[in-house]
Structures are given as C-alpha cells and as structure tokens.
C-alpha cells in the first residue's frame, strides 16, 4: 500500500488541496487500501478530522481498508474532537 503523506500543516487553509490530492491517491491505488501517513503533521484543526472521517467512509464504501499513522498533534486533535475510539479502529 502506497501511503498518502500529509504535510506538517493540515488546517482549513489546506483542506481543499488535501481533499483533491487524497481523491487522486485513492483512485490511483484503489486496489491497495488506504494508508494515511500523518506522522509529520505538527498543526491541524477540525477540518483534518472531518477529512479523515470522510476518507474512512469512502474507503469503507469501496471495501478498502484504511490505516492511519498519526502524529501527536493528530492524536491530540482526534481526542479533542471525541474521535479517540474511532481513531483506534484505523490506527496502525
């Protein structure tokens, strides 16, 4: 599985670009499942949490697995948004 790597900043200002790139990645690697490498994320807001939940929904609809490799910033964001349990189901 080719990972989709997120940059150091994943906020509302980048979400449209991230969404487009993620859609392209899923289309190109659709048979492999989805691995999101968020280990380099230093700054993130709720828009990233929304993008991750949507990615999981899309992967599930396509019968693809999804794995998330979070940084501390992403783990903290998911905890603040009440998604800790959800994140455990997709964590590497």
PDB file of N, CA and C in Angstrom:
ATOM      1  N   UNK A   1       0.834  -1.181   0.000  1.00  0.00           N
ATOM      2  CA  UNK A   1       0.000   0.000   0.000  1.00  0.00           C
ATOM      3  C   UNK A   1       0.875   1.240   0.000  1.00  0.00           C
ATOM      4  N   UNK A   2       0.683   2.075  -0.961  1.00  0.00           N
ATOM      5  CA  UNK A   2       1.411   3.337  -1.034  1.00  0.00           C
ATOM      6  C   UNK A   2       0.752   4.324  -0.079  1.00  0.00           C
ATOM      7  N   UNK A   3       1.513   4.853   0.876  1.00  0.00           N
ATOM      8  CA  UNK A   3       0.893   5.773   1.837  1.00  0.00           C
ATOM      9  C   UNK A   3       0.616   7.140   1.223  1.00  0.00           C
ATOM     10  N   UNK A   4      -0.439   7.764   1.712  1.00  0.00           N
ATOM     11  CA  UNK A   4      -0.740   9.151   1.396  1.00  0.00           C
ATOM     12  C   UNK A   4      -0.170   9.973   2.534  1.00  0.00           C
ATOM     13  N   UNK A   5       0.847  10.760   2.258  1.00  0.00           N
ATOM     14  CA  UNK A   5       1.542  11.509   3.310  1.00  0.00           C
ATOM     15  C   UNK A   5       0.991  12.923   3.420  1.00  0.00           C
ATOM     16  N   UNK A   6       0.682  13.298   4.640  1.00  0.00           N
ATOM     17  CA  UNK A   6       0.214  14.647   4.927  1.00  0.00           C
ATOM     18  C   UNK A   6       1.403  15.525   5.280  1.00  0.00           C
ATOM     19  N   UNK A   7       1.304  16.801   4.983  1.00  0.00           N
ATOM     20  CA  UNK A   7       2.354  17.749   5.322  1.00  0.00           C
ATOM     21  C   UNK A   7       2.311  18.141   6.783  1.00  0.00           C
ATOM     22  N   UNK A   8       3.134  19.103   7.138  1.00  0.00           N
ATOM     23  CA  UNK A   8       3.223  19.495   8.543  1.00  0.00           C
ATOM     24  C   UNK A   8       2.029  20.330   9.001  1.00  0.00           C
ATOM     25  N   UNK A   9       1.350  20.993   8.070  1.00  0.00           N
ATOM     26  CA  UNK A   9       0.203  21.823   8.412  1.00  0.00           C
ATOM     27  C   UNK A   9      -1.030  21.314   7.677  1.00  0.00           C
ATOM     28  N   UNK A  10      -2.055  20.971   8.421  1.00  0.00           N
ATOM     29  CA  UNK A  10      -3.311  20.457   7.855  1.00  0.00           C
ATOM     30  C   UNK A  10      -4.470  21.198   8.506  1.00  0.00           C
ATOM     31  N   UNK A  11      -4.741  22.371   7.979  1.00  0.00           N
ATOM     32  CA  UNK A  11      -5.798  23.212   8.527  1.00  0.00           C
ATOM     33  C   UNK A  11      -6.796  23.562   7.425  1.00  0.00           C
ATOM     34  N   UNK A  12      -7.774  24.355   7.763  1.00  0.00           N
ATOM     35  CA  UNK A  12      -8.811  24.756   6.822  1.00  0.00           C
ATOM     36  C   UNK A  12      -8.207  25.343   5.545  1.00  0.00           C
ATOM     37  N   UNK A  13      -7.100  26.044   5.671  1.00  0.00           N
ATOM     38  CA  UNK A  13      -6.463  26.661   4.503  1.00  0.00           C
ATOM     39  C   UNK A  13      -5.968  25.620   3.496  1.00  0.00           C
ATOM     40  N   UNK A  14      -5.656  24.402   3.942  1.00  0.00           N
ATOM     41  CA  UNK A  14      -5.133  23.353   3.067  1.00  0.00           C
ATOM     42  C   UNK A  14      -6.151  22.275   2.728  1.00  0.00           C
ATOM     43  N   UNK A  15      -7.326  22.275   3.333  1.00  0.00           N
ATOM     44  CA  UNK A  15      -8.224  21.131   3.240  1.00  0.00           C
ATOM     45  C   UNK A  15      -8.702  20.855   1.810  1.00  0.00           C
ATOM     46  N   UNK A  16      -8.975  21.882   1.027  1.00  0.00           N
ATOM     47  CA  UNK A  16      -9.417  21.635  -0.349  1.00  0.00           C
ATOM     48  C   UNK A  16      -8.325  20.946  -1.163  1.00  0.00           C
ATOM     49  N   UNK A  17      -7.114  21.417  -1.006  1.00  0.00           N
ATOM     50  CA  UNK A  17      -5.971  20.808  -1.701  1.00  0.00           C
ATOM     51  C   UNK A  17      -5.731  19.379  -1.213  1.00  0.00           C
ATOM     52  N   UNK A  18      -5.816  19.165   0.092  1.00  0.00           N
ATOM     53  CA  UNK A  18      -5.648  17.821   0.646  1.00  0.00           C
ATOM     54  C   UNK A  18      -6.737  16.875   0.150  1.00  0.00           C
ATOM     55  N   UNK A  19      -7.966  17.346   0.112  1.00  0.00           N
ATOM     56  CA  UNK A  19      -9.082  16.526  -0.356  1.00  0.00           C
ATOM     57  C   UNK A  19      -8.865  16.104  -1.807  1.00  0.00           C
ATOM     58  N   UNK A  20      -8.492  17.032  -2.657  1.00  0.00           N
ATOM     59  CA  UNK A  20      -8.260  16.716  -4.068  1.00  0.00           C
ATOM     60  C   UNK A  20      -7.122  15.711  -4.224  1.00  0.00           C
ATOM     61  N   UNK A  21      -6.032  15.921  -3.500  1.00  0.00           N
ATOM     62  CA  UNK A  21      -4.896  15.004  -3.587  1.00  0.00           C
ATOM     63  C   UNK A  21      -5.250  13.625  -3.050  1.00  0.00           C
ATOM     64  N   UNK A  22      -6.029  13.576  -1.979  1.00  0.00           N
ATOM     65  CA  UNK A  22      -6.444  12.297  -1.413  1.00  0.00           C
ATOM     66  C   UNK A  22      -7.352  11.543  -2.381  1.00  0.00           C
ATOM     67  N   UNK A  23      -8.259  12.254  -3.034  1.00  0.00           N
ATOM     68  CA  UNK A  23      -9.136  11.609  -4.026  1.00  0.00           C
ATOM     69  C   UNK A  23      -8.314  11.017  -5.167  1.00  0.00           C
ATOM     70  N   UNK A  24      -7.320  11.737  -5.638  1.00  0.00           N
ATOM     71  CA  UNK A  24      -6.440  11.227  -6.693  1.00  0.00           C
ATOM     72  C   UNK A  24      -5.681   9.999  -6.214  1.00  0.00           C
ATOM     73  N   UNK A  25      -5.207  10.046  -4.991  1.00  0.00           N
ATOM     74  CA  UNK A  25      -4.459   8.919  -4.431  1.00  0.00           C
ATOM     75  C   UNK A  25      -5.336   7.677  -4.333  1.00  0.00           C
ATOM     76  N   UNK A  26      -6.539   7.833  -3.847  1.00  0.00           N
ATOM     77  CA  UNK A  26      -7.451   6.688  -3.729  1.00  0.00           C
ATOM     78  C   UNK A  26      -7.751   6.109  -5.106  1.00  0.00           C
ATOM     79  N   UNK A  27      -7.959   6.970  -6.092  1.00  0.00           N
ATOM     80  CA  UNK A  27      -8.243   6.489  -7.451  1.00  0.00           C
ATOM     81  C   UNK A  27      -7.061   5.717  -8.022  1.00  0.00           C
ATOM     82  N   UNK A  28      -5.855   6.182  -7.753  1.00  0.00           N
ATOM     83  CA  UNK A  28      -4.658   5.540  -8.297  1.00  0.00           C
ATOM     84  C   UNK A  28      -4.287   4.254  -7.569  1.00  0.00           C
ATOM     85  N   UNK A  29      -4.673   4.143  -6.321  1.00  0.00           N
ATOM     86  CA  UNK A  29      -4.280   2.994  -5.502  1.00  0.00           C
ATOM     87  C   UNK A  29      -5.491   2.267  -4.943  1.00  0.00           C
ATOM     88  N   UNK A  30      -6.589   2.279  -5.654  1.00  0.00           N
ATOM     89  CA  UNK A  30      -7.853   1.788  -5.124  1.00  0.00           C
ATOM     90  C   UNK A  30      -7.836   0.315  -4.728  1.00  0.00           C
ATOM     91  N   UNK A  31      -7.006  -0.488  -5.340  1.00  0.00           N
ATOM     92  CA  UNK A  31      -6.994  -1.919  -5.014  1.00  0.00           C
ATOM     93  C   UNK A  31      -6.126  -2.228  -3.799  1.00  0.00           C
ATOM     94  N   UNK A  32      -5.399  -1.244  -3.310  1.00  0.00           N
ATOM     95  CA  UNK A  32      -4.408  -1.486  -2.269  1.00  0.00           C
ATOM     96  C   UNK A  32      -4.872  -1.131  -0.865  1.00  0.00           C
ATOM     97  N   UNK A  33      -5.981  -0.493  -0.723  1.00  0.00           N
ATOM     98  CA  UNK A  33      -6.362   0.027   0.581  1.00  0.00           C
ATOM     99  C   UNK A  33      -5.792   1.417   0.748  1.00  0.00           C
ATOM    100  N   UNK A  34      -6.069   2.028   1.858  1.00  0.00           N
ATOM    101  CA  UNK A  34      -5.651   3.406   2.090  1.00  0.00           C
ATOM    102  C   UNK A  34      -4.827   3.499   3.367  1.00  0.00           C
ATOM    103  N   UNK A  35      -3.621   4.008   3.221  1.00  0.00           N
ATOM    104  CA  UNK A  35      -2.750   4.272   4.362  1.00  0.00           C
ATOM    105  C   UNK A  35      -2.493   5.775   4.378  1.00  0.00           C
ATOM    106  N   UNK A  36      -2.857   6.416   5.483  1.00  0.00           N
ATOM    107  CA  UNK A  36      -2.612   7.845   5.625  1.00  0.00           C
ATOM    108  C   UNK A  36      -1.498   8.047   6.635  1.00  0.00           C
ATOM    109  N   UNK A  37      -0.395   8.589   6.142  1.00  0.00           N
ATOM    110  CA  UNK A  37       0.769   8.865   6.983  1.00  0.00           C
ATOM    111  C   UNK A  37       0.670  10.303   7.481  1.00  0.00           C
ATOM    112  N   UNK A  38       0.277  10.449   8.720  1.00  0.00           N
ATOM    113  CA  UNK A  38       0.133  11.766   9.335  1.00  0.00           C
ATOM    114  C   UNK A  38       1.206  11.995  10.396  1.00  0.00           C
ATOM    115  N   UNK A  39       2.299  11.232  10.316  1.00  0.00           N
ATOM    116  CA  UNK A  39       3.345  11.330  11.335  1.00  0.00           C
ATOM    117  C   UNK A  39       4.082  12.662  11.317  1.00  0.00           C
ATOM    118  N   UNK A  40       4.031  13.377  10.190  1.00  0.00           N
ATOM    119  CA  UNK A  40       4.713  14.663  10.099  1.00  0.00           C
ATOM    120  C   UNK A  40       3.840  15.860  10.399  1.00  0.00           C
ATOM    121  N   UNK A  41       2.576  15.626  10.739  1.00  0.00           N
ATOM    122  CA  UNK A  41       1.649  16.735  10.999  1.00  0.00           C
ATOM    123  C   UNK A  41       1.979  17.374  12.348  1.00  0.00           C
ATOM    124  N   UNK A  42       2.218  18.685  12.299  1.00  0.00           N
ATOM    125  CA  UNK A  42       2.514  19.448  13.513  1.00  0.00           C
ATOM    126  C   UNK A  42       1.365  20.376  13.901  1.00  0.00           C
ATOM    127  N   UNK A  43       0.581  20.782  12.899  1.00  0.00           N
ATOM    128  CA  UNK A  43      -0.547  21.695  13.144  1.00  0.00           C
ATOM    129  C   UNK A  43      -1.752  21.170  12.381  1.00  0.00           C
ATOM    130  N   UNK A  44      -2.865  21.015  13.081  1.00  0.00           N
ATOM    131  CA  UNK A  44      -4.087  20.506  12.456  1.00  0.00           C
ATOM    132  C   UNK A  44      -5.300  21.089  13.171  1.00  0.00           C
ATOM    133  N   UNK A  45      -6.381  21.202  12.420  1.00  0.00           N
ATOM    134  CA  UNK A  45      -7.629  21.658  13.026  1.00  0.00           C
ATOM    135  C   UNK A  45      -8.743  20.685  12.661  1.00  0.00           C
ATOM    136  N   UNK A  46      -9.951  21.026  13.048  1.00  0.00           N
ATOM    137  CA  UNK A  46     -11.083  20.119  12.892  1.00  0.00           C
ATOM    138  C   UNK A  46     -11.326  19.739  11.430  1.00  0.00           C
ATOM    139  N   UNK A  47     -10.878  20.553  10.496  1.00  0.00           N
ATOM    140  CA  UNK A  47     -11.072  20.197   9.082  1.00  0.00           C
ATOM    141  C   UNK A  47     -10.312  18.920   8.735  1.00  0.00           C
ATOM    142  N   UNK A  48      -9.178  18.674   9.368  1.00  0.00           N
ATOM    143  CA  UNK A  48      -8.455  17.423   9.134  1.00  0.00           C
ATOM    144  C   UNK A  48      -9.235  16.250   9.715  1.00  0.00           C
ATOM    145  N   UNK A  49      -9.805  16.422  10.883  1.00  0.00           N
ATOM    146  CA  UNK A  49     -10.618  15.347  11.466  1.00  0.00           C
ATOM    147  C   UNK A  49     -11.776  15.009  10.537  1.00  0.00           C
ATOM    148  N   UNK A  50     -12.427  16.017   9.981  1.00  0.00           N
ATOM    149  CA  UNK A  50     -13.522  15.779   9.043  1.00  0.00           C
ATOM    150  C   UNK A  50     -13.039  15.048   7.801  1.00  0.00           C
ATOM    151  N   UNK A  51     -11.883  15.430   7.291  1.00  0.00           N
ATOM    152  CA  UNK A  51     -11.323  14.776   6.113  1.00  0.00           C
ATOM    153  C   UNK A  51     -11.011  13.312   6.394  1.00  0.00           C
ATOM    154  N   UNK A  52     -10.470  13.020   7.562  1.00  0.00           N
ATOM    155  CA  UNK A  52     -10.138  11.636   7.917  1.00  0.00           C
ATOM    156  C   UNK A  52     -11.390  10.782   8.064  1.00  0.00           C
ATOM    157  N   UNK A  53     -12.410  11.326   8.678  1.00  0.00           N
ATOM    158  CA  UNK A  53     -13.669  10.580   8.823  1.00  0.00           C
ATOM    159  C   UNK A  53     -14.281  10.327   7.446  1.00  0.00           C
ATOM    160  N   UNK A  54     -14.264  11.325   6.575  1.00  0.00           N
ATOM    161  CA  UNK A  54     -14.792  11.154   5.220  1.00  0.00           C
ATOM    162  C   UNK A  54     -13.979  10.127   4.440  1.00  0.00           C
ATOM    163  N   UNK A  55     -12.665  10.138   4.620  1.00  0.00           N
ATOM    164  CA  UNK A  55     -11.811   9.163   3.935  1.00  0.00           C
ATOM    165  C   UNK A  55     -12.137   7.751   4.395  1.00  0.00           C
ATOM    166  N   UNK A  56     -12.378   7.587   5.688  1.00  0.00           N
ATOM    167  CA  UNK A  56     -12.738   6.270   6.211  1.00  0.00           C
ATOM    168  C   UNK A  56     -14.079   5.819   5.641  1.00  0.00           C
ATOM    169  N   UNK A  57     -15.007   6.729   5.535  1.00  0.00           N
ATOM    170  CA  UNK A  57     -16.321   6.410   4.974  1.00  0.00           C
ATOM    171  C   UNK A  57     -16.186   5.997   3.504  1.00  0.00           C
ATOM    172  N   UNK A  58     -15.404   6.748   2.745  1.00  0.00           N
ATOM    173  CA  UNK A  58     -15.187   6.438   1.332  1.00  0.00           C
ATOM    174  C   UNK A  58     -14.491   5.088   1.175  1.00  0.00           C
ATOM    175  N   UNK A  59     -13.475   4.850   1.977  1.00  0.00           N
ATOM    176  CA  UNK A  59     -12.765   3.568   1.914  1.00  0.00           C
ATOM    177  C   UNK A  59     -13.723   2.419   2.221  1.00  0.00           C
ATOM    178  N   UNK A  60     -14.533   2.579   3.247  1.00  0.00           N
ATOM    179  CA  UNK A  60     -15.489   1.537   3.614  1.00  0.00           C
ATOM    180  C   UNK A  60     -16.493   1.271   2.510  1.00  0.00           C
ATOM    181  N   UNK A  61     -16.963   2.335   1.860  1.00  0.00           N
ATOM    182  CA  UNK A  61     -17.928   2.187   0.770  1.00  0.00           C
ATOM    183  C   UNK A  61     -17.321   1.444  -0.415  1.00  0.00           C
ATOM    184  N   UNK A  62     -15.997   1.524  -0.534  1.00  0.00           N
ATOM    185  CA  UNK A  62     -15.296   0.835  -1.630  1.00  0.00           C
ATOM    186  C   UNK A  62     -14.676  -0.492  -1.183  1.00  0.00           C
ATOM    187  N   UNK A  63     -15.033  -0.922   0.009  1.00  0.00           N
ATOM    188  CA  UNK A  63     -14.487  -2.163   0.584  1.00  0.00           C
ATOM    189  C   UNK A  63     -12.966  -2.149   0.674  1.00  0.00           C
ATOM    190  N   UNK A  64     -12.414  -0.995   1.044  1.00  0.00           N
ATOM    191  CA  UNK A  64     -10.976  -0.845   1.222  1.00  0.00           C
ATOM    192  C   UNK A  64     -10.667  -0.690   2.704  1.00  0.00           C
ATOM    193  N   UNK A  65      -9.539  -1.196   3.106  1.00  0.00           N
ATOM    194  CA  UNK A  65      -9.089  -0.953   4.472  1.00  0.00           C
ATOM    195  C   UNK A  65      -8.503   0.458   4.543  1.00  0.00           C
ATOM    196  N   UNK A  66      -8.473   1.011   5.742  1.00  0.00           N
ATOM    197  CA  UNK A  66      -7.823   2.303   5.960  1.00  0.00           C
ATOM    198  C   UNK A  66      -6.990   2.206   7.217  1.00  0.00           C
ATOM    199  N   UNK A  67      -5.764   2.696   7.105  1.00  0.00           N
ATOM    200  CA  UNK A  67      -4.852   2.729   8.234  1.00  0.00           C
ATOM    201  C   UNK A  67      -4.370   4.161   8.414  1.00  0.00           C
ATOM    202  N   UNK A  68      -4.380   4.633   9.642  1.00  0.00           N
ATOM    203  CA  UNK A  68      -3.903   5.973   9.964  1.00  0.00           C
ATOM    204  C   UNK A  68      -2.671   5.861  10.846  1.00  0.00           C
ATOM    205  N   UNK A  69      -1.624   6.557  10.436  1.00  0.00           N
ATOM    206  CA  UNK A  69      -0.403   6.658  11.243  1.00  0.00           C
ATOM    207  C   UNK A  69      -0.334   8.104  11.736  1.00  0.00           C
ATOM    208  N   UNK A  70      -0.823   8.363  12.968  1.00  0.00           N
ATOM    209  CA  UNK A  70      -0.952   9.745  13.436  1.00  0.00           C
ATOM    210  C   UNK A  70       0.299  10.269  14.147  1.00  0.00           C
ATOM    211  N   UNK A  71       0.456  11.576  14.085  1.00  0.00           N
ATOM    212  CA  UNK A  71       1.454  12.256  14.910  1.00  0.00           C
ATOM    213  C   UNK A  71       0.798  12.566  16.252  1.00  0.00           C
ATOM    214  N   UNK A  72       1.574  13.125  17.164  1.00  0.00           N
ATOM    215  CA  UNK A  72       0.993  13.537  18.446  1.00  0.00           C
ATOM    216  C   UNK A  72      -0.049  14.621  18.234  1.00  0.00           C
ATOM    217  N   UNK A  73       0.203  15.519  17.289  1.00  0.00           N
ATOM    218  CA  UNK A  73      -0.751  16.594  17.015  1.00  0.00           C
ATOM    219  C   UNK A  73      -2.078  16.027  16.513  1.00  0.00           C
ATOM    220  N   UNK A  74      -2.015  15.038  15.641  1.00  0.00           N
ATOM    221  CA  UNK A  74      -3.240  14.431  15.110  1.00  0.00           C
ATOM    222  C   UNK A  74      -3.952  13.644  16.207  1.00  0.00           C
ATOM    223  N   UNK A  75      -3.213  12.899  16.997  1.00  0.00           N
ATOM    224  CA  UNK A  75      -3.834  12.162  18.106  1.00  0.00           C
ATOM    225  C   UNK A  75      -4.521  13.116  19.073  1.00  0.00           C
ATOM    226  N   UNK A  76      -3.879  14.232  19.361  1.00  0.00           N
ATOM    227  CA  UNK A  76      -4.479  15.236  20.245  1.00  0.00           C
ATOM    228  C   UNK A  76      -5.733  15.838  19.646  1.00  0.00           C
ATOM    229  N   UNK A  77      -5.692  16.135  18.351  1.00  0.00           N
ATOM    230  CA  UNK A  77      -6.864  16.664  17.665  1.00  0.00           C
ATOM    231  C   UNK A  77      -8.026  15.679  17.731  1.00  0.00           C
ATOM    232  N   UNK A  78      -7.746  14.423  17.445  1.00  0.00           N
ATOM    233  CA  UNK A  78      -8.809  13.410  17.472  1.00  0.00           C
ATOM    234  C   UNK A  78      -9.369  13.242  18.884  1.00  0.00           C
ATOM    235  N   UNK A  79      -8.529  13.374  19.889  1.00  0.00           N
ATOM    236  CA  UNK A  79      -9.016  13.301  21.273  1.00  0.00           C
ATOM    237  C   UNK A  79      -9.923  14.492  21.583  1.00  0.00           C
ATOM    238  N   UNK A  80      -9.507  15.690  21.156  1.00  0.00           N
ATOM    239  CA  UNK A  80     -10.310  16.896  21.420  1.00  0.00           C
ATOM    240  C   UNK A  80     -11.650  16.869  20.694  1.00  0.00           C
ATOM    241  N   UNK A  81     -11.718  16.178  19.573  1.00  0.00           N
ATOM    242  CA  UNK A  81     -12.959  16.119  18.802  1.00  0.00           C
ATOM    243  C   UNK A  81     -13.803  14.903  19.158  1.00  0.00           C
ATOM    244  N   UNK A  82     -13.369  14.136  20.152  1.00  0.00           N
ATOM    245  CA  UNK A  82     -14.137  12.976  20.594  1.00  0.00           C
ATOM    246  C   UNK A  82     -13.991  11.761  19.691  1.00  0.00           C
ATOM    247  N   UNK A  83     -12.929  11.724  18.904  1.00  0.00           N
ATOM    248  CA  UNK A  83     -12.739  10.638  17.945  1.00  0.00           C
ATOM    249  C   UNK A  83     -11.643   9.652  18.343  1.00  0.00           C
ATOM    250  N   UNK A  84     -11.292   9.618  19.612  1.00  0.00           N
ATOM    251  CA  UNK A  84     -10.237   8.710  20.055  1.00  0.00           C
ATOM    252  C   UNK A  84     -10.597   7.259  19.771  1.00  0.00           C
ATOM    253  N   UNK A  85     -11.800   6.853  20.107  1.00  0.00           N
ATOM    254  CA  UNK A  85     -12.217   5.461  19.866  1.00  0.00           C
ATOM    255  C   UNK A  85     -12.243   5.163  18.378  1.00  0.00           C
ATOM    256  N   UNK A  86     -12.746   6.089  17.600  1.00  0.00           N
ATOM    257  CA  UNK A  86     -12.760   5.926  16.149  1.00  0.00           C
ATOM    258  C   UNK A  86     -11.338   5.761  15.623  1.00  0.00           C
ATOM    259  N   UNK A  87     -10.444   6.588  16.103  1.00  0.00           N
ATOM    260  CA  UNK A  87      -9.050   6.553  15.635  1.00  0.00           C
ATOM    261  C   UNK A  87      -8.398   5.215  15.959  1.00  0.00           C
ATOM    262  N   UNK A  88      -8.752   4.613  17.061  1.00  0.00           N
ATOM    263  CA  UNK A  88      -8.182   3.316  17.425  1.00  0.00           C
ATOM    264  C   UNK A  88      -8.538   2.244  16.395  1.00  0.00           C
ATOM    265  N   UNK A  89      -9.663   2.400  15.722  1.00  0.00           N
ATOM    266  CA  UNK A  89     -10.065   1.397  14.735  1.00  0.00           C
ATOM    267  C   UNK A  89      -9.296   1.511  13.433  1.00  0.00           C
ATOM    268  N   UNK A  90      -8.593   2.631  13.218  1.00  0.00           N
ATOM    269  CA  UNK A  90      -7.836   2.809  11.978  1.00  0.00           C
ATOM    270  C   UNK A  90      -6.342   3.004  12.216  1.00  0.00           C
ATOM    271  N   UNK A  91      -5.927   2.951  13.465  1.00  0.00           N
ATOM    272  CA  UNK A  91      -4.512   3.208  13.774  1.00  0.00           C
ATOM    273  C   UNK A  91      -3.664   2.013  13.401  1.00  0.00           C
ATOM    274  N   UNK A  92      -2.472   2.333  12.909  1.00  0.00           N
ATOM    275  CA  UNK A  92      -1.508   1.294  12.522  1.00  0.00           C
ATOM    276  C   UNK A  92      -0.901   0.653  13.741  1.00  0.00           C
TER     277      UNK A  92
END
